[in-house]
Protein backbone atom coordinates (compact mmCIF):
# COMPACT_ATOMS: atom_id res chain seq x y z
CA MET A 1 -11.27 93.62 -129.56
CA ASP A 2 -7.32 92.99 -129.66
CA LEU A 3 -6.46 89.90 -127.81
CA SER A 4 -2.77 89.63 -128.95
CA ASN A 5 -1.41 90.58 -125.66
CA THR A 6 -3.88 88.75 -123.54
CA PRO A 7 -2.22 86.16 -121.59
CA SER A 8 -3.06 82.69 -122.52
CA PRO A 9 -5.00 80.60 -119.88
CA SER A 10 -3.00 78.43 -117.62
CA PRO A 11 -3.55 74.71 -118.24
CA THR A 12 -4.74 74.46 -114.61
CA ASP A 13 -7.19 77.41 -114.82
CA GLY A 14 -10.09 74.93 -115.76
CA SER A 15 -9.37 72.42 -113.07
CA THR A 16 -9.38 75.36 -110.56
CA GLN A 17 -12.62 76.53 -111.69
CA LEU A 18 -13.91 73.07 -111.66
CA GLY A 19 -12.43 72.49 -108.23
CA ASP A 20 -14.12 75.79 -106.80
CA LYS A 21 -17.60 74.53 -108.11
CA LEU A 22 -17.01 71.06 -106.70
CA ASP A 23 -16.14 72.69 -103.30
CA LEU A 24 -19.26 74.72 -103.49
CA SER A 25 -21.44 71.81 -104.27
CA ILE A 26 -19.94 69.74 -101.65
CA ALA A 27 -20.55 72.51 -99.05
CA ARG A 28 -24.16 72.70 -100.21
CA LEU A 29 -24.63 68.84 -100.11
CA LYS A 30 -23.36 68.79 -96.71
CA GLU A 31 -25.85 71.46 -95.72
CA ARG A 32 -28.47 69.68 -97.35
CA ILE A 33 -27.64 66.31 -95.70
CA LYS A 34 -27.53 68.11 -92.28
CA ASP A 35 -31.00 69.63 -92.85
CA LEU A 36 -32.58 66.31 -94.06
CA ALA A 37 -31.16 64.32 -91.08
CA LYS A 38 -32.82 66.59 -88.60
CA GLU A 39 -36.05 65.79 -90.29
CA ASN A 40 -35.51 62.08 -90.55
CA LYS A 41 -33.61 59.68 -88.36
CA SER A 42 -32.82 57.23 -91.22
CA LEU A 43 -31.27 60.07 -93.19
CA ALA A 44 -29.27 60.68 -90.08
CA GLU A 45 -27.61 57.43 -90.23
CA LEU A 46 -27.02 58.33 -93.93
CA LYS A 47 -25.40 61.46 -92.87
CA ASN A 48 -22.79 59.56 -90.97
CA ILE A 49 -22.01 57.38 -93.87
CA ALA A 50 -22.22 60.37 -96.41
CA MET A 51 -20.28 62.92 -94.42
CA PRO A 52 -17.04 61.04 -94.31
CA THR A 53 -17.20 60.34 -97.87
CA LEU A 54 -17.83 63.81 -98.69
CA THR A 55 -14.82 64.80 -96.36
CA LEU A 56 -12.61 62.27 -98.32
CA VAL A 57 -13.86 63.72 -101.56
CA GLN A 58 -12.91 67.19 -100.19
CA GLN A 59 -9.48 65.79 -99.40
CA GLN A 60 -8.96 64.30 -102.83
CA LEU A 61 -10.17 67.57 -104.44
CA ASP A 62 -7.71 69.50 -102.25
CA ASN A 63 -4.89 67.14 -103.25
CA HIS A 64 -5.84 67.49 -106.89
CA ARG A 65 -5.71 71.31 -106.50
CA SER A 66 -2.16 70.89 -105.13
CA LEU A 67 -1.21 69.00 -108.01
CA CYS A 68 -2.58 71.35 -110.30
CA HIS A 69 -0.69 74.23 -108.78
CA ARG A 70 2.46 72.32 -108.98
CA LEU A 71 1.84 71.39 -112.30
CA ALA A 72 1.35 75.15 -113.32
CA GLN A 73 4.86 75.78 -111.46
CA ILE A 74 6.28 73.25 -113.48
CA SER A 75 4.83 74.40 -116.74
CA ALA A 76 6.16 77.97 -116.08
CA GLU A 77 9.58 76.56 -115.24
CA SER A 78 9.31 74.45 -118.48
CA ALA A 79 8.52 77.57 -120.41
CA GLU A 80 11.35 79.63 -119.05
CA MET A 81 13.84 76.52 -119.74
CA ILE A 82 12.42 76.61 -123.41
CA VAL A 83 13.13 80.38 -123.73
CA ASP A 84 16.63 79.97 -122.18
CA ASN A 85 17.26 76.78 -124.33
CA GLU A 86 16.24 78.94 -127.49
CA GLU A 87 18.65 81.85 -126.46
CA LYS A 88 21.33 79.37 -125.95
CA GLN A 89 20.62 77.67 -129.35
CA GLU A 90 20.69 81.03 -130.92
CA ALA A 91 24.19 81.95 -129.25
CA LEU A 92 25.46 78.50 -130.19
CA ASN A 93 24.43 79.21 -133.92
CA ASP A 94 26.37 82.32 -133.84
CA LEU A 95 29.46 80.66 -132.40
CA ASN A 96 29.21 78.10 -135.09
CA ILE A 97 29.24 80.73 -137.77
CA VAL A 98 32.35 82.51 -136.20
CA LEU A 99 33.85 78.99 -135.73
CA ALA A 100 33.22 78.09 -139.43
CA ARG A 101 34.76 81.56 -140.52
CA SER A 102 37.81 80.78 -138.08
CA ASN A 103 38.24 77.27 -139.79
CA ALA A 104 38.12 78.84 -143.23
CA HIS A 105 40.82 81.39 -142.02
CA ALA A 106 43.00 78.59 -140.55
CA ALA A 107 42.73 76.58 -143.75
CA GLU A 108 44.26 79.68 -145.57
CA LEU A 109 46.94 80.16 -142.98
CA MET A 110 47.87 76.60 -143.40
CA ALA A 111 48.02 76.92 -147.20
CA GLU A 112 50.11 80.06 -146.73
CA ILE A 113 52.45 78.21 -144.21
CA GLU A 114 52.90 75.41 -146.47
CA LEU A 115 53.80 77.82 -149.13
CA ARG A 116 56.42 79.44 -146.82
CA ASN A 117 58.02 76.01 -145.82
CA GLU A 118 58.43 75.31 -149.34
CA GLU A 119 60.15 78.55 -149.75
CA ILE A 120 62.18 78.06 -146.58
CA LYS A 121 63.31 74.66 -147.91
CA GLN A 122 64.35 76.27 -151.21
CA LEU A 123 66.29 79.03 -149.31
CA ASN A 124 67.88 76.43 -147.01
CA GLY A 125 69.09 74.46 -150.35
CA ARG A 126 70.59 77.70 -151.44
CA LEU A 127 72.16 78.51 -148.13
CA ALA A 128 73.87 74.98 -147.89
CA GLU A 129 75.28 75.87 -151.44
CA VAL A 130 76.56 79.28 -150.15
CA ASN A 131 77.98 77.62 -147.06
CA SER A 132 79.78 75.03 -149.18
CA HIS A 133 81.30 77.73 -151.34
CA SER A 134 82.14 79.86 -148.32
CA ALA A 135 83.97 76.99 -146.81
CA GLU A 136 85.86 76.55 -150.09
CA LEU A 137 86.80 80.46 -150.05
CA LEU A 138 87.66 80.28 -146.34
CA ALA A 139 90.17 77.41 -147.21
CA SER A 140 91.55 79.43 -150.15
CA LEU A 141 91.66 82.38 -147.88
CA GLU A 142 93.79 80.76 -145.20
CA ILE A 143 96.19 79.53 -148.02
CA LYS A 144 96.37 83.12 -149.34
CA GLU A 145 96.82 84.36 -145.74
CA GLY A 146 99.92 82.06 -145.01
CA GLU A 147 101.27 83.12 -148.43
CA LEU A 148 100.78 86.93 -147.46
CA GLN A 149 102.36 86.27 -144.22
CA GLU A 150 105.51 84.72 -145.75
CA MET A 151 105.49 87.84 -148.27
CA ASN A 152 105.32 90.11 -145.14
CA ARG A 153 108.16 88.35 -143.67
CA GLU A 154 110.14 88.78 -146.78
CA LEU A 155 109.12 92.40 -147.19
CA GLN A 156 109.86 93.15 -143.64
CA ALA A 157 113.34 91.63 -144.30
CA GLU A 158 113.87 93.86 -147.25
CA ILE A 159 112.59 96.74 -145.47
CA GLU A 160 115.17 96.45 -142.71
CA GLU A 161 117.91 95.83 -145.41
CA LYS A 162 116.80 98.98 -147.13
CA ASN A 163 116.73 100.89 -143.88
CA ARG A 164 120.30 99.73 -143.09
CA LEU A 165 121.49 100.83 -146.44
CA LEU A 166 119.57 103.99 -146.08
CA GLY A 167 121.43 104.65 -142.70
CA LEU A 168 124.70 104.00 -144.26
CA VAL A 169 123.95 106.30 -147.28
CA ALA A 170 122.42 109.01 -145.21
CA HIS A 171 125.47 108.78 -142.93
CA ASP A 172 127.82 109.19 -145.80
CA LEU A 173 125.63 111.84 -147.48
CA ARG A 174 125.42 113.97 -144.07
CA GLY A 175 129.02 114.12 -143.89
CA GLY A 176 129.53 114.82 -147.45
CA ILE A 177 127.06 117.39 -147.96
CA GLY A 178 128.12 118.88 -144.69
CA GLY A 179 131.71 118.99 -145.71
CA ILE A 180 130.91 120.57 -148.90
CA GLY A 181 128.92 123.26 -147.11
CA ASN A 182 131.82 123.93 -144.74
CA LEU A 183 134.51 124.10 -147.50
CA SER A 184 132.25 126.47 -149.45
CA LEU A 185 131.90 128.64 -146.33
CA ILE A 186 135.77 128.70 -145.83
CA LEU A 187 136.13 129.65 -149.43
CA LYS A 188 133.67 132.61 -149.12
CA GLU A 189 135.62 133.76 -146.33
CA ASN A 190 138.97 133.58 -147.80
CA LEU A 191 138.04 135.36 -150.98
CA ASP A 192 139.32 138.90 -151.20
CA SER A 193 136.22 140.25 -152.56
CA GLY A 194 132.24 139.55 -152.49
CA GLU A 195 132.22 140.30 -156.26
CA GLY A 196 132.82 138.27 -159.34
CA ASP A 197 131.49 134.79 -160.56
CA SER A 198 133.74 132.90 -158.18
CA PHE A 199 132.13 134.19 -155.02
CA GLU A 200 128.43 133.62 -156.65
CA TYR A 201 129.37 130.21 -157.50
CA ILE A 202 130.64 129.35 -154.11
CA ASP A 203 127.86 131.11 -152.48
CA LEU A 204 125.33 128.99 -154.62
CA ILE A 205 127.23 125.80 -153.60
CA HIS A 206 126.73 126.81 -149.89
CA LYS A 207 123.07 127.37 -150.36
CA GLN A 208 122.56 124.23 -152.27
CA SER A 209 124.39 122.21 -149.83
CA ALA A 210 122.39 123.55 -146.84
CA GLN A 211 119.16 122.73 -148.89
CA LEU A 212 120.35 119.11 -149.54
CA GLN A 213 121.07 118.80 -145.95
CA ARG A 214 117.67 120.00 -144.93
CA LEU A 215 116.24 117.71 -147.54
CA LEU A 216 118.13 114.68 -146.13
CA GLU A 217 117.14 115.50 -142.61
CA SER A 218 113.37 115.68 -143.95
CA VAL A 219 113.68 112.50 -145.76
CA LEU A 220 115.35 110.58 -142.54
CA ASP A 221 112.39 112.11 -140.52
CA ILE A 222 109.85 110.64 -142.81
CA GLU A 223 111.37 107.47 -142.65
CA LYS A 224 111.37 107.43 -138.91
CA ILE A 225 107.60 108.29 -138.86
CA GLN A 226 106.89 105.63 -141.39
CA GLN A 227 108.68 102.95 -139.19
CA GLY A 228 106.97 104.43 -136.06
CA SER A 229 110.43 105.11 -134.47
CA LEU A 230 109.89 109.05 -134.06
CA ASP A 231 111.09 109.32 -130.43
CA LEU A 232 110.35 112.19 -128.13
CA GLN A 233 112.99 113.70 -125.65
CA LEU A 234 110.61 115.44 -123.26
CA SER A 235 111.46 118.25 -120.89
CA ASN A 236 109.68 121.07 -119.16
CA VAL A 237 110.12 124.00 -121.67
CA CYS A 238 109.08 127.67 -121.72
CA LEU A 239 107.11 127.77 -125.07
CA GLY A 240 107.73 131.59 -125.44
CA LYS A 241 111.18 131.55 -124.95
CA LEU A 242 111.49 128.71 -127.30
CA ILE A 243 109.47 130.63 -129.90
CA ASP A 244 111.28 133.77 -129.34
CA GLU A 245 114.89 132.22 -129.89
CA THR A 246 113.44 130.54 -133.16
CA ALA A 247 111.99 133.78 -134.38
CA LYS A 248 115.22 135.79 -133.88
CA PHE A 249 117.12 133.69 -136.36
CA TYR A 250 114.08 133.74 -139.04
CA LYS A 251 113.65 137.55 -138.80
CA GLN A 252 117.08 137.73 -140.62
CA ILE A 253 116.05 135.25 -143.08
CA ALA A 254 112.71 136.89 -143.80
CA GLY A 255 114.56 140.28 -143.99
CA LEU A 256 116.47 139.03 -146.86
CA LYS A 257 113.01 138.97 -148.91
CA ASN A 258 112.28 142.41 -147.25
CA ILE A 259 109.64 140.48 -145.10
CA GLU A 260 109.01 141.76 -141.62
CA LEU A 261 108.37 139.04 -138.93
CA LYS A 262 106.42 140.10 -135.94
CA THR A 263 106.10 138.30 -132.81
CA ASN A 264 103.38 138.43 -130.17
CA LEU A 265 104.45 136.53 -126.96
CA PRO A 266 102.56 137.51 -123.65
CA HIS A 267 104.61 137.90 -120.64
CA GLY A 268 105.14 134.81 -118.61
CA SER A 269 104.50 132.31 -121.54
CA ALA A 270 103.28 128.91 -120.60
CA MET A 271 105.33 126.04 -119.53
CA ALA A 272 104.78 122.73 -121.23
CA VAL A 273 106.19 119.28 -121.29
CA VAL A 274 107.56 118.75 -124.88
CA ASP A 275 110.37 117.74 -127.05
CA PRO A 276 111.98 121.31 -127.46
CA GLU A 277 113.88 120.11 -130.65
CA LYS A 278 110.89 118.58 -132.29
CA ILE A 279 108.69 121.73 -131.59
CA ARG A 280 111.43 123.95 -132.79
CA GLN A 281 111.55 121.76 -135.90
CA VAL A 282 107.73 122.48 -136.43
CA LEU A 283 108.29 126.24 -135.82
CA VAL A 284 111.08 126.15 -138.43
CA ASN A 285 108.90 124.47 -140.95
CA LEU A 286 105.80 126.85 -140.56
CA LEU A 287 108.06 129.88 -140.67
CA THR A 288 110.02 128.67 -143.61
CA ASN A 289 106.72 127.85 -145.48
CA ALA A 290 105.37 131.29 -144.65
CA ILE A 291 108.58 132.88 -145.81
CA LYS A 292 108.39 131.14 -149.19
CA GLN A 293 104.64 131.95 -149.80
CA SER A 294 104.99 135.70 -148.80
CA PRO A 295 105.78 138.48 -151.24
CA SER A 296 108.21 141.24 -150.56
CA GLY A 297 107.03 144.11 -148.42
CA SER A 298 104.63 141.86 -146.42
CA THR A 299 104.36 140.89 -142.94
CA ILE A 300 104.33 137.35 -140.98
CA THR A 301 102.95 137.36 -137.59
CA LEU A 302 104.00 134.81 -134.94
CA ASP A 303 101.95 134.65 -131.78
CA LEU A 304 101.21 132.52 -128.84
CA ILE A 305 97.72 132.37 -127.20
CA GLN A 306 97.05 130.67 -123.92
CA LYS A 307 93.40 129.60 -123.00
CA GLY A 308 93.23 127.61 -119.71
CA ASN A 309 95.38 124.51 -119.98
CA GLU A 310 95.97 124.85 -123.74
CA VAL A 311 98.22 126.94 -125.87
CA MET A 312 97.88 127.96 -129.62
CA VAL A 313 100.78 128.86 -131.68
CA ARG A 314 99.89 130.73 -134.83
CA VAL A 315 101.99 131.55 -137.97
CA ILE A 316 99.88 134.07 -140.25
CA ASP A 317 101.31 135.34 -143.63
CA GLU A 318 100.04 137.66 -146.35
CA GLY A 319 100.45 135.27 -149.15
CA PRO A 320 98.24 133.91 -151.75
CA GLY A 321 96.43 131.79 -149.45
CA LEU A 322 95.27 128.21 -149.74
CA SER A 323 93.10 126.77 -152.59
CA PRO A 324 90.35 124.27 -151.53
CA ASP A 325 92.60 121.64 -152.86
CA ASP A 326 95.52 122.83 -150.95
CA LEU A 327 93.32 122.75 -147.79
CA SER A 328 92.44 119.21 -148.32
CA LYS A 329 95.94 117.83 -148.66
CA VAL A 330 98.40 120.49 -147.35
CA PHE A 331 99.81 118.18 -144.55
CA LYS A 332 100.18 115.26 -146.91
CA SER A 333 103.70 114.07 -147.79
CA SER A 334 105.25 115.07 -150.96
CA THR A 335 102.31 117.52 -151.89
CA PRO A 336 103.62 121.09 -152.10
CA GLN A 337 101.05 123.99 -152.17
CA SER A 338 99.90 124.97 -155.67
CA ALA A 339 101.11 128.50 -155.07
CA LYS A 340 104.77 128.92 -156.26
CA PRO A 341 107.17 130.19 -153.69
CA THR A 342 107.76 133.97 -154.17
CA GLY A 343 111.42 133.74 -154.14
CA ASN A 344 111.77 130.53 -156.42
CA GLU A 345 112.75 128.58 -153.47
CA ALA A 346 112.60 124.85 -153.68
CA SER A 347 109.58 123.06 -151.78
CA GLN A 348 109.20 119.35 -151.51
CA GLY A 349 105.97 119.45 -149.25
CA LEU A 350 107.87 117.38 -146.58
CA GLY A 351 108.05 119.87 -143.68
CA LEU A 352 104.27 120.32 -143.20
CA ALA A 353 103.86 116.63 -143.18
CA ILE A 354 106.49 115.98 -140.57
CA SER A 355 105.06 119.00 -138.49
CA GLN A 356 101.65 117.19 -138.32
CA ARG A 357 103.16 113.98 -137.15
CA ILE A 358 105.34 115.67 -134.48
CA ILE A 359 102.19 117.50 -133.08
CA GLN A 360 100.14 114.43 -133.13
CA ARG A 361 102.76 112.60 -131.22
CA HIS A 362 102.49 115.27 -128.65
CA GLY A 363 98.83 114.81 -128.45
CA GLY A 364 97.92 117.88 -130.17
CA ARG A 365 96.48 119.08 -133.41
CA ILE A 366 97.74 121.26 -136.27
CA LEU A 367 95.31 122.88 -138.72
CA ALA A 368 95.52 125.42 -141.68
CA GLN A 369 93.16 127.80 -142.99
CA ASN A 370 92.89 131.07 -145.08
CA ASN A 371 93.21 134.24 -143.16
CA PHE A 372 89.60 135.62 -143.36
CA GLN A 373 90.27 139.03 -142.09
CA ALA A 374 93.04 139.72 -144.81
CA LYS A 375 94.78 138.02 -147.54
CA GLY A 376 97.12 135.07 -146.65
CA ALA A 377 97.01 131.76 -144.79
CA CYS A 378 97.22 130.76 -141.08
CA PHE A 379 98.88 127.64 -139.77
CA PHE A 380 98.44 126.91 -136.14
CA PHE A 381 98.89 123.95 -133.68
CA CYS A 382 97.45 123.42 -130.14
CA ILE A 383 99.04 121.43 -127.30
CA ASN A 384 98.10 120.57 -123.57
CA THR A 385 100.28 122.45 -121.03
CA ASP A 386 99.20 120.26 -118.05
CA HIS A 387 100.18 116.95 -119.11
CA LEU A 388 101.38 115.13 -122.30
CA GLU A 389 99.37 112.39 -123.93
CA ILE A 390 101.87 110.89 -126.31
CA SER A 391 100.02 109.30 -129.46
CA LYS A 392 100.88 106.07 -130.63
CA GLU A 393 102.68 105.88 -134.08
CA ASN A 394 100.26 104.80 -136.97
């Protein structure tokens, strides 16, 4: 028979059984005394003595039973407390294991922190050296800055003196070149015939003087741009009319190379607040460049396109177009295009650079690209017609 699951007897089970037997014995004894007392008077007196004693024994027995019951409750509670204590002890053991692991990890972290602190000390030492070196460099830089400021003042004084001399030279050159041009023109008109070496030489003198005059004006414009003194004289201008007037003169120049200059100007062309002479100068530079690059028998198209509050002016030729290198630096000063002018005209590369700065001063933009529909290049600029945002000189 398997008794492994049989509950263990309570410590008070034996006392309870014994009490029950005593209760039964006392009850029987009382009955026996009662019966004997009926038969014998002397026993009746013994009954009076024995009965209280038995009653007292019964009470003591009841008290003993109560104590046993209470002891059983205490034993049960003690057993529960022992079980609970064992569970808590087991949990405490687990916590001690976790704590031991945490302490070990903390020790590793402390060792790592000490290592990092040592590295930080070394870095702080190096940083102090760098700061010291930086302070020395800063002091040296301040000295150099003072020297540079003094050099800038001297350079500015030299630039002002150069500008003054350039102005004097330009004034004398402008007058001299203009005089040569006028004299050559008078000589041409007074010659009896347009034939002969003399006429050709005088015509060459006139052309060269005009070219020198344009070159001088371009140099002076570049000088003004570099000094930041390119002023605009603004007025409300009909761009279509301005373009048409400029194109009429250059149709004749283009015709000398058998080039047709077409204009496409919509009726009621836009009004815009611009400097008319500067815009005319841009048109002249773009048309002159197109005529130089265009072969005989080709066509140059000059048109104006208005989209909302912006106008675009385009000059499209049928020349060799622009190489990738040309596109990257076509508006830089003193960088003529790689393609040579078709009529052996002179080309210093100043006109396009000046044109860019003029358009930028008007708050617009000027670009160049190859004509993808046919051979040639397209130069165009865009400006706003509603209002003028004058850019600052660089």
